[in-house]
Amino acid sequence: MSDLMTMEPCRVVLVDDHSLFRSGLKGLLDRCAGVRVVGEAALSLIHI
């Protein structure tokens, strides 16, 4: 089995004040193998 098949997915937190941008980017990343969106935030000072 190759290393790519056994690797953990890259976990991503989306932070942007435009909800439409976050939604579109999440939709794109959800289609990518090896990437998992684990959270979203509108304000980085509060959530990160």
PDB file of N, CA and C in Angstrom:
ATOM      1  N   MET A   1       0.856  -1.177   0.000  1.00  0.00           N
ATOM      2  CA  MET A   1       0.000   0.000   0.000  1.00  0.00           C
ATOM      3  C   MET A   1       0.895   1.231   0.000  1.00  0.00           C
ATOM      4  N   SER A   2       0.509   2.246  -0.765  1.00  0.00           N
ATOM      5  CA  SER A   2       1.343   3.441  -0.847  1.00  0.00           C
ATOM      6  C   SER A   2       1.180   4.313   0.391  1.00  0.00           C
ATOM      7  N   ASP A   3       2.153   5.180   0.623  1.00  0.00           N
ATOM      8  CA  ASP A   3       2.105   6.097   1.771  1.00  0.00           C
ATOM      9  C   ASP A   3       0.932   7.059   1.683  1.00  0.00           C
ATOM     10  N   LEU A   4       0.540   7.448   0.465  1.00  0.00           N
ATOM     11  CA  LEU A   4      -0.568   8.391   0.310  1.00  0.00           C
ATOM     12  C   LEU A   4      -1.884   7.805   0.796  1.00  0.00           C
ATOM     13  N   MET A   5      -2.043   6.504   0.689  1.00  0.00           N
ATOM     14  CA  MET A   5      -3.296   5.878   1.103  1.00  0.00           C
ATOM     15  C   MET A   5      -3.372   5.719   2.614  1.00  0.00           C
ATOM     16  N   THR A   6      -2.233   5.729   3.293  1.00  0.00           N
ATOM     17  CA  THR A   6      -2.219   5.514   4.738  1.00  0.00           C
ATOM     18  C   THR A   6      -2.047   6.810   5.528  1.00  0.00           C
ATOM     19  N   MET A   7      -1.853   7.923   4.849  1.00  0.00           N
ATOM     20  CA  MET A   7      -1.638   9.194   5.533  1.00  0.00           C
ATOM     21  C   MET A   7      -2.948   9.745   6.084  1.00  0.00           C
ATOM     22  N   GLU A   8      -2.844  10.452   7.184  1.00  0.00           N
ATOM     23  CA  GLU A   8      -3.991  11.168   7.741  1.00  0.00           C
ATOM     24  C   GLU A   8      -4.313  12.347   6.839  1.00  0.00           C
ATOM     25  N   PRO A   9      -5.592  12.713   6.731  1.00  0.00           N
ATOM     26  CA  PRO A   9      -5.919  13.881   5.900  1.00  0.00           C
ATOM     27  C   PRO A   9      -5.395  15.171   6.524  1.00  0.00           C
ATOM     28  N   CYS A  10      -5.114  16.136   5.692  1.00  0.00           N
ATOM     29  CA  CYS A  10      -4.717  17.463   6.141  1.00  0.00           C
ATOM     30  C   CYS A  10      -5.957  18.140   6.702  1.00  0.00           C
ATOM     31  N   ARG A  11      -5.898  18.588   7.936  1.00  0.00           N
ATOM     32  CA  ARG A  11      -7.047  19.253   8.572  1.00  0.00           C
ATOM     33  C   ARG A  11      -6.930  20.762   8.353  1.00  0.00           C
ATOM     34  N   VAL A  12      -8.040  21.371   7.905  1.00  0.00           N
ATOM     35  CA  VAL A  12      -8.056  22.783   7.532  1.00  0.00           C
ATOM     36  C   VAL A  12      -9.146  23.508   8.306  1.00  0.00           C
ATOM     37  N   VAL A  13      -8.827  24.695   8.796  1.00  0.00           N
ATOM     38  CA  VAL A  13      -9.815  25.593   9.383  1.00  0.00           C
ATOM     39  C   VAL A  13      -9.907  26.796   8.450  1.00  0.00           C
ATOM     40  N   LEU A  14     -11.115  27.073   7.977  1.00  0.00           N
ATOM     41  CA  LEU A  14     -11.333  28.204   7.075  1.00  0.00           C
ATOM     42  C   LEU A  14     -11.678  29.442   7.890  1.00  0.00           C
ATOM     43  N   VAL A  15     -10.957  30.526   7.677  1.00  0.00           N
ATOM     44  CA  VAL A  15     -11.218  31.781   8.383  1.00  0.00           C
ATOM     45  C   VAL A  15     -11.281  32.901   7.351  1.00  0.00           C
ATOM     46  N   ASP A  16     -12.466  33.475   7.214  1.00  0.00           N
ATOM     47  CA  ASP A  16     -12.669  34.611   6.320  1.00  0.00           C
ATOM     48  C   ASP A  16     -13.969  35.280   6.719  1.00  0.00           C
ATOM     49  N   ASP A  17     -14.045  36.582   6.559  1.00  0.00           N
ATOM     50  CA  ASP A  17     -15.254  37.287   6.978  1.00  0.00           C
ATOM     51  C   ASP A  17     -16.367  37.242   5.935  1.00  0.00           C
ATOM     52  N   HIS A  18     -16.128  36.606   4.796  1.00  0.00           N
ATOM     53  CA  HIS A  18     -17.149  36.464   3.757  1.00  0.00           C
ATOM     54  C   HIS A  18     -17.674  35.021   3.756  1.00  0.00           C
ATOM     55  N   SER A  19     -18.899  34.837   4.212  1.00  0.00           N
ATOM     56  CA  SER A  19     -19.457  33.486   4.327  1.00  0.00           C
ATOM     57  C   SER A  19     -19.591  32.800   2.967  1.00  0.00           C
ATOM     58  N   LEU A  20     -19.876  33.555   1.920  1.00  0.00           N
ATOM     59  CA  LEU A  20     -19.995  32.963   0.591  1.00  0.00           C
ATOM     60  C   LEU A  20     -18.652  32.411   0.122  1.00  0.00           C
ATOM     61  N   PHE A  21     -17.577  33.124   0.398  1.00  0.00           N
ATOM     62  CA  PHE A  21     -16.234  32.645   0.043  1.00  0.00           C
ATOM     63  C   PHE A  21     -15.901  31.369   0.814  1.00  0.00           C
ATOM     64  N   ARG A  22     -16.174  31.382   2.139  1.00  0.00           N
ATOM     65  CA  ARG A  22     -15.918  30.181   2.948  1.00  0.00           C
ATOM     66  C   ARG A  22     -16.713  28.992   2.436  1.00  0.00           C
ATOM     67  N   SER A  23     -17.964  29.221   2.085  1.00  0.00           N
ATOM     68  CA  SER A  23     -18.818  28.145   1.594  1.00  0.00           C
ATOM     69  C   SER A  23     -18.276  27.562   0.289  1.00  0.00           C
ATOM     70  N   GLY A  24     -17.883  28.424  -0.628  1.00  0.00           N
ATOM     71  CA  GLY A  24     -17.331  27.954  -1.895  1.00  0.00           C
ATOM     72  C   GLY A  24     -16.028  27.206  -1.724  1.00  0.00           C
ATOM     73  N   LEU A  25     -15.160  27.734  -0.882  1.00  0.00           N
ATOM     74  CA  LEU A  25     -13.876  27.080  -0.643  1.00  0.00           C
ATOM     75  C   LEU A  25     -14.073  25.740   0.053  1.00  0.00           C
ATOM     76  N   LYS A  26     -14.996  25.678   0.997  1.00  0.00           N
ATOM     77  CA  LYS A  26     -15.298  24.411   1.672  1.00  0.00           C
ATOM     78  C   LYS A  26     -15.795  23.380   0.667  1.00  0.00           C
ATOM     79  N   GLY A  27     -16.676  23.802  -0.248  1.00  0.00           N
ATOM     80  CA  GLY A  27     -17.170  22.890  -1.278  1.00  0.00           C
ATOM     81  C   GLY A  27     -16.050  22.353  -2.151  1.00  0.00           C
ATOM     82  N   LEU A  28     -15.113  23.206  -2.489  1.00  0.00           N
ATOM     83  CA  LEU A  28     -13.969  22.785  -3.290  1.00  0.00           C
ATOM     84  C   LEU A  28     -13.075  21.819  -2.519  1.00  0.00           C
ATOM     85  N   LEU A  29     -12.759  22.168  -1.271  1.00  0.00           N
ATOM     86  CA  LEU A  29     -11.871  21.324  -0.474  1.00  0.00           C
ATOM     87  C   LEU A  29     -12.513  19.991  -0.105  1.00  0.00           C
ATOM     88  N   ASP A  30     -13.834  19.963   0.036  1.00  0.00           N
ATOM     89  CA  ASP A  30     -14.524  18.705   0.336  1.00  0.00           C
ATOM     90  C   ASP A  30     -14.366  17.690  -0.782  1.00  0.00           C
ATOM     91  N   ARG A  31     -14.081  18.153  -1.972  1.00  0.00           N
ATOM     92  CA  ARG A  31     -13.887  17.254  -3.113  1.00  0.00           C
ATOM     93  C   ARG A  31     -12.440  16.766  -3.248  1.00  0.00           C
ATOM     94  N   CYS A  32     -11.554  17.317  -2.465  1.00  0.00           N
ATOM     95  CA  CYS A  32     -10.132  16.963  -2.544  1.00  0.00           C
ATOM     96  C   CYS A  32      -9.814  15.801  -1.612  1.00  0.00           C
ATOM     97  N   ALA A  33      -9.200  14.788  -2.165  1.00  0.00           N
ATOM     98  CA  ALA A  33      -8.753  13.664  -1.341  1.00  0.00           C
ATOM     99  C   ALA A  33      -7.607  14.141  -0.460  1.00  0.00           C
ATOM    100  N   GLY A  34      -7.608  13.730   0.779  1.00  0.00           N
ATOM    101  CA  GLY A  34      -6.523  14.079   1.674  1.00  0.00           C
ATOM    102  C   GLY A  34      -6.697  15.405   2.386  1.00  0.00           C
ATOM    103  N   VAL A  35      -7.865  16.045   2.234  1.00  0.00           N
ATOM    104  CA  VAL A  35      -8.136  17.321   2.895  1.00  0.00           C
ATOM    105  C   VAL A  35      -9.463  17.206   3.629  1.00  0.00           C
ATOM    106  N   ARG A  36      -9.474  17.665   4.872  1.00  0.00           N
ATOM    107  CA  ARG A  36     -10.706  17.638   5.662  1.00  0.00           C
ATOM    108  C   ARG A  36     -10.900  18.988   6.330  1.00  0.00           C
ATOM    109  N   VAL A  37     -12.006  19.646   6.051  1.00  0.00           N
ATOM    110  CA  VAL A  37     -12.330  20.918   6.694  1.00  0.00           C
ATOM    111  C   VAL A  37     -12.894  20.595   8.075  1.00  0.00           C
ATOM    112  N   VAL A  38     -12.211  21.070   9.115  1.00  0.00           N
ATOM    113  CA  VAL A  38     -12.612  20.746  10.485  1.00  0.00           C
ATOM    114  C   VAL A  38     -13.272  21.915  11.199  1.00  0.00           C
ATOM    115  N   GLY A  39     -13.273  23.081  10.565  1.00  0.00           N
ATOM    116  CA  GLY A  39     -13.906  24.227  11.206  1.00  0.00           C
ATOM    117  C   GLY A  39     -13.944  25.422  10.303  1.00  0.00           C
ATOM    118  N   GLU A  40     -14.813  26.359  10.675  1.00  0.00           N
ATOM    119  CA  GLU A  40     -14.944  27.618   9.961  1.00  0.00           C
ATOM    120  C   GLU A  40     -15.100  28.740  10.969  1.00  0.00           C
ATOM    121  N   ALA A  41     -14.618  29.905  10.610  1.00  0.00           N
ATOM    122  CA  ALA A  41     -14.758  31.069  11.483  1.00  0.00           C
ATOM    123  C   ALA A  41     -14.809  32.327  10.629  1.00  0.00           C
ATOM    124  N   ALA A  42     -15.546  33.321  11.135  1.00  0.00           N
ATOM    125  CA  ALA A  42     -15.612  34.611  10.450  1.00  0.00           C
ATOM    126  C   ALA A  42     -14.557  35.563  10.994  1.00  0.00           C
ATOM    127  N   LEU A  43     -14.171  35.404  12.269  1.00  0.00           N
ATOM    128  CA  LEU A  43     -13.190  36.286  12.894  1.00  0.00           C
ATOM    129  C   LEU A  43     -12.049  35.466  13.484  1.00  0.00           C
ATOM    130  N   SER A  44     -10.846  35.723  13.027  1.00  0.00           N
ATOM    131  CA  SER A  44      -9.708  34.931  13.485  1.00  0.00           C
ATOM    132  C   SER A  44      -9.343  35.214  14.931  1.00  0.00           C
ATOM    133  N   LEU A  45      -9.570  36.410  15.441  1.00  0.00           N
ATOM    134  CA  LEU A  45      -9.185  36.722  16.822  1.00  0.00           C
ATOM    135  C   LEU A  45     -10.018  35.948  17.835  1.00  0.00           C
ATOM    136  N   ILE A  46     -11.228  35.631  17.490  1.00  0.00           N
ATOM    137  CA  ILE A  46     -12.096  34.919  18.412  1.00  0.00           C
ATOM    138  C   ILE A  46     -11.852  33.407  18.376  1.00  0.00           C
ATOM    139  N   HIS A  47     -11.604  32.843  17.195  1.00  0.00           N
ATOM    140  CA  HIS A  47     -11.624  31.400  17.040  1.00  0.00           C
ATOM    141  C   HIS A  47     -10.259  30.736  16.960  1.00  0.00           C
ATOM    142  N   ILE A  48      -9.212  31.490  16.772  1.00  0.00           N
ATOM    143  CA  ILE A  48      -7.904  30.827  16.633  1.00  0.00           C
ATOM    144  C   ILE A  48      -6.998  31.209  17.776  1.00  0.00           C
TER     145      ILE A  48
END
